[in-house]
């Protein structure tokens, strides 16, 4: 996985950053919108997130929301579903 420059998203809003990252998890528009909205609610509830480096802070949050949405418990379940 390539490193992303922390300044890459400096001019974008948090919603735009979340949208860009969420696109990695699903091409389905409805699922992506749900993941985005749930992630934004989590961000509002977690003021300790360092949004100065949004990729590093938000990627794990968005990933967990996506896994929860698709009801995936762990990586083994993901591998099994793609066989």
C-alpha atoms as a PDB file:
ATOM      1  CA  UNK A   1       0.000   0.000   0.000  1.00  0.00           C
ATOM      2  CA  UNK A   2       1.429   3.378  -0.947  1.00  0.00           C
ATOM      3  CA  UNK A   3       1.809   6.135   1.582  1.00  0.00           C
ATOM      4  CA  UNK A   4      -0.489   9.085   1.097  1.00  0.00           C
ATOM      5  CA  UNK A   5       0.866  12.545   1.739  1.00  0.00           C
ATOM      6  CA  UNK A   6      -0.947  13.893   4.843  1.00  0.00           C
ATOM      7  CA  UNK A   7      -1.365  17.223   3.050  1.00  0.00           C
ATOM      8  CA  UNK A   8      -3.141  15.570   0.129  1.00  0.00           C
ATOM      9  CA  UNK A   9      -6.618  16.376   1.481  1.00  0.00           C
ATOM     10  CA  UNK A  10      -5.863  19.765   3.055  1.00  0.00           C
ATOM     11  CA  UNK A  11      -8.243  21.701   0.809  1.00  0.00           C
ATOM     12  CA  UNK A  12     -11.094  19.191   1.006  1.00  0.00           C
ATOM     13  CA  UNK A  13     -13.848  19.078   3.588  1.00  0.00           C
ATOM     14  CA  UNK A  14     -14.030  16.124   5.953  1.00  0.00           C
ATOM     15  CA  UNK A  15     -17.080  14.872   4.032  1.00  0.00           C
ATOM     16  CA  UNK A  16     -15.050  14.892   0.803  1.00  0.00           C
ATOM     17  CA  UNK A  17     -12.203  13.023   2.480  1.00  0.00           C
ATOM     18  CA  UNK A  18     -14.599  10.410   3.878  1.00  0.00           C
ATOM     19  CA  UNK A  19     -16.279  10.091   0.464  1.00  0.00           C
ATOM     20  CA  UNK A  20     -12.948   9.562  -1.302  1.00  0.00           C
ATOM     21  CA  UNK A  21     -11.883   6.890   1.169  1.00  0.00           C
ATOM     22  CA  UNK A  22     -15.311   5.190   1.235  1.00  0.00           C
ATOM     23  CA  UNK A  23     -15.151   4.725  -2.540  1.00  0.00           C
ATOM     24  CA  UNK A  24     -12.391   2.168  -1.934  1.00  0.00           C
ATOM     25  CA  UNK A  25     -14.794  -0.110  -0.089  1.00  0.00           C
ATOM     26  CA  UNK A  26     -17.803  -0.320  -2.412  1.00  0.00           C
ATOM     27  CA  UNK A  27     -18.911   0.818  -5.860  1.00  0.00           C
ATOM     28  CA  UNK A  28     -22.559   0.714  -4.722  1.00  0.00           C
ATOM     29  CA  UNK A  29     -23.828   4.268  -4.289  1.00  0.00           C
ATOM     30  CA  UNK A  30     -26.425   3.517  -1.595  1.00  0.00           C
ATOM     31  CA  UNK A  31     -23.971   1.522   0.534  1.00  0.00           C
ATOM     32  CA  UNK A  32     -21.288   4.187   0.131  1.00  0.00           C
ATOM     33  CA  UNK A  33     -23.678   6.947   1.234  1.00  0.00           C
ATOM     34  CA  UNK A  34     -24.655   4.952   4.302  1.00  0.00           C
ATOM     35  CA  UNK A  35     -20.989   4.338   5.173  1.00  0.00           C
ATOM     36  CA  UNK A  36     -20.251   8.053   4.737  1.00  0.00           C
ATOM     37  CA  UNK A  37     -23.112   9.181   6.974  1.00  0.00           C
ATOM     38  CA  UNK A  38     -22.319   6.659   9.722  1.00  0.00           C
ATOM     39  CA  UNK A  39     -18.659   7.650   9.616  1.00  0.00           C
ATOM     40  CA  UNK A  40     -19.519  11.343   9.925  1.00  0.00           C
ATOM     41  CA  UNK A  41     -21.647  10.588  12.998  1.00  0.00           C
ATOM     42  CA  UNK A  42     -18.727   8.723  14.568  1.00  0.00           C
ATOM     43  CA  UNK A  43     -16.379  11.614  13.797  1.00  0.00           C
ATOM     44  CA  UNK A  44     -18.724  14.056  15.526  1.00  0.00           C
ATOM     45  CA  UNK A  45     -18.842  11.783  18.590  1.00  0.00           C
ATOM     46  CA  UNK A  46     -15.049  11.390  18.760  1.00  0.00           C
ATOM     47  CA  UNK A  47     -13.411  14.793  19.172  1.00  0.00           C
ATOM     48  CA  UNK A  48     -10.100  13.079  19.973  1.00  0.00           C
ATOM     49  CA  UNK A  49      -9.604  12.159  16.311  1.00  0.00           C
ATOM     50  CA  UNK A  50      -6.684  14.102  14.845  1.00  0.00           C
ATOM     51  CA  UNK A  51      -8.113  15.414  11.601  1.00  0.00           C
ATOM     52  CA  UNK A  52      -4.786  17.051  10.773  1.00  0.00           C
ATOM     53  CA  UNK A  53      -3.894  13.691   9.202  1.00  0.00           C
ATOM     54  CA  UNK A  54      -7.310  12.555   7.940  1.00  0.00           C
ATOM     55  CA  UNK A  55      -6.167   9.504   6.002  1.00  0.00           C
ATOM     56  CA  UNK A  56      -4.362   7.959   8.954  1.00  0.00           C
ATOM     57  CA  UNK A  57      -7.168   8.754  11.410  1.00  0.00           C
ATOM     58  CA  UNK A  58     -10.222   8.124   9.255  1.00  0.00           C
ATOM     59  CA  UNK A  59      -9.237   5.067   7.232  1.00  0.00           C
ATOM     60  CA  UNK A  60      -9.585   2.668  10.220  1.00  0.00           C
ATOM     61  CA  UNK A  61     -12.911   4.260  11.191  1.00  0.00           C
ATOM     62  CA  UNK A  62     -14.326   4.022   7.666  1.00  0.00           C
ATOM     63  CA  UNK A  63     -12.999   0.482   7.303  1.00  0.00           C
ATOM     64  CA  UNK A  64     -14.761  -0.611  10.495  1.00  0.00           C
ATOM     65  CA  UNK A  65     -18.017   1.056   9.431  1.00  0.00           C
ATOM     66  CA  UNK A  66     -17.808  -0.732   6.064  1.00  0.00           C
ATOM     67  CA  UNK A  67     -17.089  -4.088   7.727  1.00  0.00           C
ATOM     68  CA  UNK A  68     -20.009  -3.561  10.102  1.00  0.00           C
ATOM     69  CA  UNK A  69     -22.296  -2.570   7.227  1.00  0.00           C
ATOM     70  CA  UNK A  70     -21.443  -5.677   5.246  1.00  0.00           C
ATOM     71  CA  UNK A  71     -21.599  -7.760   8.455  1.00  0.00           C
ATOM     72  CA  UNK A  72     -18.024  -8.980   8.145  1.00  0.00           C
ATOM     73  CA  UNK A  73     -16.528 -10.059  11.468  1.00  0.00           C
ATOM     74  CA  UNK A  74     -12.924 -10.635  10.429  1.00  0.00           C
ATOM     75  CA  UNK A  75     -10.596 -10.967   7.455  1.00  0.00           C
ATOM     76  CA  UNK A  76     -11.130 -14.731   7.188  1.00  0.00           C
ATOM     77  CA  UNK A  77     -14.791 -14.123   6.479  1.00  0.00           C
ATOM     78  CA  UNK A  78     -13.828 -11.662   3.714  1.00  0.00           C
ATOM     79  CA  UNK A  79     -11.534 -14.236   2.098  1.00  0.00           C
ATOM     80  CA  UNK A  80     -14.199 -16.938   2.270  1.00  0.00           C
ATOM     81  CA  UNK A  81     -16.813 -14.708   0.643  1.00  0.00           C
ATOM     82  CA  UNK A  82     -14.605 -14.122  -2.424  1.00  0.00           C
ATOM     83  CA  UNK A  83     -14.024 -17.793  -3.261  1.00  0.00           C
END
